[in-house]
């Protein structure tokens, strides 16, 4: 899942070198933290959060194949 989020995020932003993805296992499931440059936050979130929602939907669909729960958090 980490690689999927990283590839999608890097294709969206102007500064792909500043994209960082951290994957952590918790009791609730897998948490994926996506960090981008401050200038690129709007591009990752999108208008009214549409791009962020789409990213979470794609990751959720990919995780459901393995019966896993994945949470995507976008941080600056």
Protein backbone atom coordinates (compact mmCIF):
# COMPACT_ATOMS: atom_id res chain seq x y z
CA UNK A 1 0.00 0.00 0.00
CA UNK A 2 2.86 2.35 0.80
CA UNK A 3 4.21 2.23 -2.74
CA UNK A 4 0.75 2.82 -4.23
CA UNK A 5 0.22 5.98 -2.16
CA UNK A 6 3.73 7.19 -2.97
CA UNK A 7 3.31 6.77 -6.74
CA UNK A 8 -0.05 8.52 -6.79
CA UNK A 9 1.14 11.40 -4.60
CA UNK A 10 4.33 11.97 -6.61
CA UNK A 11 2.31 12.22 -9.81
CA UNK A 12 0.08 14.92 -8.28
CA UNK A 13 2.63 17.32 -6.76
CA UNK A 14 5.16 19.82 -8.14
CA UNK A 15 7.89 18.70 -5.71
CA UNK A 16 7.94 14.88 -5.88
CA UNK A 17 11.26 14.77 -3.98
CA UNK A 18 9.50 16.06 -0.86
CA UNK A 19 6.87 13.31 -0.76
CA UNK A 20 7.29 11.02 2.24
CA UNK A 21 5.14 8.00 3.02
CA UNK A 22 5.34 6.24 6.40
CA UNK A 23 3.49 2.97 7.04
CA UNK A 24 2.71 1.98 10.63
CA UNK A 25 0.88 -1.06 11.99
CA UNK A 26 -1.59 -0.35 14.82
CA UNK A 27 -4.32 -2.25 16.62
CA UNK A 28 -6.91 -0.63 14.33
CA UNK A 29 -5.05 -1.57 11.16
CA UNK A 30 -2.40 -0.05 8.96
CA UNK A 31 -1.89 3.72 9.08
CA UNK A 32 -0.25 5.38 6.09
CA UNK A 33 1.03 8.92 6.70
CA UNK A 34 1.51 11.01 3.59
CA UNK A 35 3.66 14.12 3.93
CA UNK A 36 4.12 16.64 1.14
CA UNK A 37 5.55 20.14 0.81
CA UNK A 38 3.36 22.95 2.13
CA UNK A 39 2.94 24.33 -1.40
CA UNK A 40 1.58 20.98 -2.61
CA UNK A 41 -1.04 20.41 0.10
CA UNK A 42 -3.81 21.85 -2.06
CA UNK A 43 -2.95 19.55 -4.94
CA UNK A 44 -3.09 16.44 -2.75
CA UNK A 45 -6.31 17.45 -0.98
CA UNK A 46 -8.13 18.97 -3.96
CA UNK A 47 -11.27 21.07 -4.02
CA UNK A 48 -13.51 20.08 -1.13
CA UNK A 49 -11.20 17.12 -0.44
CA UNK A 50 -12.10 15.25 -3.62
CA UNK A 51 -8.58 14.08 -4.48
CA UNK A 52 -7.89 13.00 -0.89
CA UNK A 53 -11.16 11.08 -0.85
CA UNK A 54 -10.34 9.40 -4.16
CA UNK A 55 -6.88 8.44 -2.88
CA UNK A 56 -8.41 6.90 0.23
CA UNK A 57 -10.97 5.03 -1.88
CA UNK A 58 -8.29 3.52 -4.13
CA UNK A 59 -6.19 2.42 -1.13
CA UNK A 60 -9.25 0.99 0.62
CA UNK A 61 -10.17 -1.00 -2.49
CA UNK A 62 -6.63 -2.36 -2.82
CA UNK A 63 -6.55 -3.26 0.89
CA UNK A 64 -9.89 -5.04 0.76
CA UNK A 65 -8.35 -7.66 -1.52
CA UNK A 66 -6.17 -8.71 1.44
CA UNK A 67 -8.91 -8.18 4.07
CA UNK A 68 -6.92 -5.38 5.71
CA UNK A 69 -8.00 -2.02 7.08
CA UNK A 70 -5.90 0.91 5.91
CA UNK A 71 -6.16 4.53 7.10
CA UNK A 72 -4.56 7.29 5.00
CA UNK A 73 -3.57 10.44 6.86
CA UNK A 74 -2.36 13.51 4.96
CA UNK A 75 -0.01 15.66 7.01
CA UNK A 76 2.18 18.66 6.35
